[in-house]
Amino acid sequence: MATQNPGQPGGDGGQDVTVTEVELLRVMVSRQGTQVSAQWAIHPQIKRDLLPEEWKKVADLMARVTALVGKRFAQVLDQTEPDRPGTA
């Protein structure tokens, strides 16, 4: 996706600058009812460029990130929408 940024300061000599945005890494947390899941994705070119041991390190770190983000999301959700049974 390309966007125009007129009026942005920089060394462009007063010209419009075209900025290309590329999503390199994504962490997505979603929920269905009370079930929370966290997933991550990496740009395919980055995955191809990594050595096997580098890919393993990235995968391990991202597993930790998604676990932390998912846990925190679940905590906030529990505080916002507590699903505690009532008393009869």
N, C-alpha and C. Protein backbone atom coordinates (compact mmCIF):
# COMPACT_ATOMS: atom_id res chain seq x y z
N MET A 1 0.85 -1.16 0.00
CA MET A 1 0.00 0.00 0.00
C MET A 1 0.89 1.23 0.00
N ALA A 2 0.61 2.19 -0.86
CA ALA A 2 1.38 3.42 -0.93
C ALA A 2 0.49 4.58 -0.53
N THR A 3 1.07 5.51 0.21
CA THR A 3 0.31 6.69 0.62
C THR A 3 1.12 7.93 0.31
N GLN A 4 0.45 9.02 0.04
CA GLN A 4 1.10 10.30 -0.19
C GLN A 4 1.15 11.05 1.12
N ASN A 5 2.27 11.68 1.40
CA ASN A 5 2.44 12.43 2.64
C ASN A 5 2.87 13.85 2.31
N PRO A 6 1.98 14.68 1.70
CA PRO A 6 2.39 16.05 1.41
C PRO A 6 2.60 16.84 2.69
N GLY A 7 3.56 17.73 2.65
CA GLY A 7 3.80 18.60 3.78
C GLY A 7 4.61 17.96 4.90
N GLN A 8 5.05 16.74 4.72
CA GLN A 8 5.87 16.08 5.74
C GLN A 8 7.28 16.66 5.66
N PRO A 9 7.88 16.99 6.80
CA PRO A 9 9.25 17.49 6.77
C PRO A 9 10.20 16.39 6.34
N GLY A 10 11.27 16.77 5.71
CA GLY A 10 12.26 15.79 5.30
C GLY A 10 13.08 16.33 4.15
N GLY A 11 13.97 15.54 3.65
CA GLY A 11 14.88 15.96 2.59
C GLY A 11 14.33 15.68 1.21
N ASP A 12 13.06 15.95 0.97
CA ASP A 12 12.47 15.65 -0.32
C ASP A 12 12.37 16.87 -1.23
N GLY A 13 12.97 18.00 -0.84
CA GLY A 13 12.97 19.18 -1.68
C GLY A 13 11.57 19.75 -1.90
N GLY A 14 10.65 19.51 -0.96
CA GLY A 14 9.31 20.03 -1.10
C GLY A 14 8.41 19.17 -1.96
N GLN A 15 8.88 18.04 -2.41
CA GLN A 15 8.09 17.15 -3.24
C GLN A 15 7.25 16.22 -2.37
N ASP A 16 6.15 15.72 -2.95
CA ASP A 16 5.37 14.70 -2.25
C ASP A 16 6.21 13.44 -2.12
N VAL A 17 6.05 12.76 -1.00
CA VAL A 17 6.81 11.55 -0.74
C VAL A 17 5.86 10.37 -0.81
N THR A 18 6.25 9.33 -1.52
CA THR A 18 5.47 8.11 -1.55
C THR A 18 6.09 7.14 -0.57
N VAL A 19 5.28 6.68 0.38
CA VAL A 19 5.75 5.75 1.39
C VAL A 19 5.08 4.41 1.14
N THR A 20 5.88 3.37 1.06
CA THR A 20 5.32 2.03 0.90
C THR A 20 5.30 1.36 2.25
N GLU A 21 4.12 0.90 2.64
CA GLU A 21 3.97 0.22 3.92
C GLU A 21 3.90 -1.28 3.67
N VAL A 22 4.73 -2.01 4.38
CA VAL A 22 4.75 -3.47 4.27
C VAL A 22 4.60 -4.05 5.67
N GLU A 23 3.66 -4.94 5.82
CA GLU A 23 3.46 -5.59 7.12
C GLU A 23 4.47 -6.72 7.25
N LEU A 24 5.40 -6.58 8.18
CA LEU A 24 6.45 -7.57 8.36
C LEU A 24 6.08 -8.61 9.41
N LEU A 25 5.37 -8.19 10.41
CA LEU A 25 5.05 -9.06 11.53
C LEU A 25 3.67 -8.69 12.05
N ARG A 26 2.89 -9.69 12.39
CA ARG A 26 1.54 -9.45 12.91
C ARG A 26 1.29 -10.35 14.10
N VAL A 27 0.71 -9.78 15.14
CA VAL A 27 0.21 -10.55 16.27
C VAL A 27 -1.27 -10.24 16.36
N MET A 28 -2.10 -11.28 16.32
CA MET A 28 -3.54 -11.09 16.35
C MET A 28 -4.13 -11.87 17.52
N VAL A 29 -4.91 -11.19 18.32
CA VAL A 29 -5.61 -11.83 19.42
C VAL A 29 -7.10 -11.75 19.11
N SER A 30 -7.78 -12.87 19.24
CA SER A 30 -9.21 -12.89 18.97
C SER A 30 -9.90 -13.70 20.06
N ARG A 31 -11.21 -13.59 20.06
CA ARG A 31 -11.95 -14.35 21.05
C ARG A 31 -13.27 -14.82 20.45
N GLN A 32 -13.74 -15.92 20.97
CA GLN A 32 -15.07 -16.43 20.70
C GLN A 32 -15.65 -16.78 22.05
N GLY A 33 -16.60 -15.98 22.48
CA GLY A 33 -17.15 -16.16 23.82
C GLY A 33 -16.09 -15.89 24.85
N THR A 34 -15.78 -16.91 25.66
CA THR A 34 -14.74 -16.75 26.68
C THR A 34 -13.40 -17.33 26.23
N GLN A 35 -13.34 -17.90 25.03
CA GLN A 35 -12.10 -18.49 24.50
C GLN A 35 -11.26 -17.41 23.82
N VAL A 36 -10.03 -17.24 24.27
CA VAL A 36 -9.11 -16.26 23.71
C VAL A 36 -7.99 -17.01 23.00
N SER A 37 -7.67 -16.58 21.77
CA SER A 37 -6.55 -17.19 21.06
C SER A 37 -5.65 -16.09 20.52
N ALA A 38 -4.35 -16.37 20.47
CA ALA A 38 -3.37 -15.42 19.94
C ALA A 38 -2.56 -16.14 18.88
N GLN A 39 -2.37 -15.46 17.75
CA GLN A 39 -1.60 -16.02 16.63
C GLN A 39 -0.63 -14.98 16.13
N TRP A 40 0.40 -15.44 15.45
CA TRP A 40 1.35 -14.51 14.87
C TRP A 40 1.69 -14.96 13.46
N ALA A 41 2.13 -14.00 12.66
CA ALA A 41 2.53 -14.28 11.29
C ALA A 41 3.70 -13.37 10.93
N ILE A 42 4.54 -13.84 10.03
CA ILE A 42 5.71 -13.08 9.58
C ILE A 42 5.68 -13.04 8.06
N HIS A 43 6.21 -11.97 7.51
CA HIS A 43 6.26 -11.82 6.05
C HIS A 43 7.04 -13.00 5.45
N PRO A 44 6.52 -13.61 4.40
CA PRO A 44 7.17 -14.80 3.82
C PRO A 44 8.62 -14.57 3.40
N GLN A 45 8.95 -13.37 2.93
CA GLN A 45 10.33 -13.13 2.49
C GLN A 45 11.29 -13.15 3.68
N ILE A 46 10.86 -12.63 4.81
CA ILE A 46 11.71 -12.66 6.00
C ILE A 46 11.96 -14.11 6.41
N LYS A 47 10.91 -14.90 6.38
CA LYS A 47 11.06 -16.31 6.74
C LYS A 47 12.07 -17.00 5.81
N ARG A 48 12.00 -16.71 4.52
CA ARG A 48 12.94 -17.32 3.57
C ARG A 48 14.37 -16.85 3.80
N ASP A 49 14.53 -15.61 4.26
CA ASP A 49 15.86 -15.04 4.45
C ASP A 49 16.55 -15.51 5.72
N LEU A 50 15.79 -16.04 6.66
CA LEU A 50 16.38 -16.47 7.93
C LEU A 50 17.04 -17.84 7.82
N LEU A 51 18.12 -18.00 8.53
CA LEU A 51 18.75 -19.31 8.66
C LEU A 51 17.89 -20.16 9.58
N PRO A 52 17.99 -21.49 9.50
CA PRO A 52 17.14 -22.35 10.34
C PRO A 52 17.23 -22.04 11.84
N GLU A 53 18.44 -21.78 12.34
CA GLU A 53 18.55 -21.48 13.77
C GLU A 53 17.96 -20.11 14.10
N GLU A 54 18.04 -19.15 13.17
CA GLU A 54 17.41 -17.85 13.37
C GLU A 54 15.89 -17.99 13.37
N TRP A 55 15.38 -18.81 12.45
CA TRP A 55 13.93 -19.03 12.38
C TRP A 55 13.42 -19.66 13.67
N LYS A 56 14.19 -20.60 14.23
CA LYS A 56 13.79 -21.24 15.48
C LYS A 56 13.73 -20.21 16.61
N LYS A 57 14.72 -19.33 16.67
CA LYS A 57 14.73 -18.28 17.70
C LYS A 57 13.52 -17.36 17.55
N VAL A 58 13.24 -16.95 16.31
CA VAL A 58 12.08 -16.08 16.07
C VAL A 58 10.80 -16.80 16.48
N ALA A 59 10.64 -18.05 16.08
CA ALA A 59 9.44 -18.81 16.40
C ALA A 59 9.28 -18.96 17.91
N ASP A 60 10.37 -19.24 18.62
CA ASP A 60 10.31 -19.37 20.08
C ASP A 60 9.92 -18.05 20.74
N LEU A 61 10.53 -16.95 20.29
CA LEU A 61 10.20 -15.63 20.86
C LEU A 61 8.75 -15.25 20.57
N MET A 62 8.30 -15.51 19.36
CA MET A 62 6.93 -15.14 19.01
C MET A 62 5.91 -16.00 19.75
N ALA A 63 6.26 -17.23 20.03
CA ALA A 63 5.37 -18.07 20.85
C ALA A 63 5.23 -17.46 22.24
N ARG A 64 6.33 -16.95 22.78
CA ARG A 64 6.28 -16.29 24.09
C ARG A 64 5.46 -15.00 24.03
N VAL A 65 5.65 -14.23 22.94
CA VAL A 65 4.91 -12.97 22.78
C VAL A 65 3.42 -13.25 22.71
N THR A 66 3.01 -14.21 21.88
CA THR A 66 1.58 -14.48 21.74
C THR A 66 0.99 -15.02 23.05
N ALA A 67 1.77 -15.79 23.79
CA ALA A 67 1.29 -16.28 25.09
C ALA A 67 1.08 -15.11 26.05
N LEU A 68 2.03 -14.18 26.10
CA LEU A 68 1.90 -13.01 26.99
C LEU A 68 0.74 -12.12 26.57
N VAL A 69 0.64 -11.84 25.27
CA VAL A 69 -0.43 -10.96 24.79
C VAL A 69 -1.79 -11.62 25.01
N GLY A 70 -1.89 -12.91 24.70
CA GLY A 70 -3.14 -13.62 24.91
C GLY A 70 -3.55 -13.66 26.37
N LYS A 71 -2.58 -13.89 27.25
CA LYS A 71 -2.88 -13.93 28.69
C LYS A 71 -3.36 -12.57 29.17
N ARG A 72 -2.68 -11.52 28.73
CA ARG A 72 -3.07 -10.17 29.15
C ARG A 72 -4.46 -9.82 28.61
N PHE A 73 -4.72 -10.17 27.36
CA PHE A 73 -6.03 -9.91 26.76
C PHE A 73 -7.11 -10.62 27.57
N ALA A 74 -6.85 -11.87 27.95
CA ALA A 74 -7.83 -12.63 28.74
C ALA A 74 -8.06 -11.98 30.10
N GLN A 75 -6.99 -11.45 30.73
CA GLN A 75 -7.14 -10.78 32.02
C GLN A 75 -8.00 -9.53 31.90
N VAL A 76 -7.73 -8.73 30.88
CA VAL A 76 -8.49 -7.50 30.67
C VAL A 76 -9.94 -7.84 30.35
N LEU A 77 -10.14 -8.85 29.53
CA LEU A 77 -11.49 -9.28 29.19
C LEU A 77 -12.25 -9.74 30.43
N ASP A 78 -11.57 -10.48 31.30
CA ASP A 78 -12.19 -10.96 32.53
C ASP A 78 -12.60 -9.80 33.44
N GLN A 79 -11.78 -8.74 33.49
CA GLN A 79 -12.11 -7.57 34.30
C GLN A 79 -13.25 -6.77 33.69
N THR A 80 -13.30 -6.72 32.37
CA THR A 80 -14.31 -5.93 31.69
C THR A 80 -15.64 -6.64 31.61
N GLU A 81 -15.57 -7.93 31.30
CA GLU A 81 -16.78 -8.74 31.14
C GLU A 81 -16.72 -9.99 32.02
N PRO A 82 -16.80 -9.81 33.32
CA PRO A 82 -16.70 -10.99 34.19
C PRO A 82 -17.88 -11.93 33.93
N ASP A 83 -17.58 -13.21 33.87
CA ASP A 83 -18.59 -14.22 33.60
C ASP A 83 -18.75 -15.08 34.85
N ARG A 84 -19.07 -14.40 35.93
CA ARG A 84 -19.18 -15.09 37.20
C ARG A 84 -20.62 -15.54 37.41
N PRO A 85 -20.81 -16.78 37.86
CA PRO A 85 -22.17 -17.23 38.09
C PRO A 85 -22.81 -16.49 39.26
N GLY A 86 -24.10 -16.24 39.14
CA GLY A 86 -24.85 -15.58 40.21
C GLY A 86 -25.31 -16.57 41.26
N THR A 87 -25.88 -16.07 42.30
CA THR A 87 -26.40 -16.95 43.35
C THR A 87 -27.91 -17.00 43.22
N ALA A 88 -28.47 -18.14 43.55
CA ALA A 88 -29.92 -18.31 43.42
C ALA A 88 -30.59 -18.13 44.76
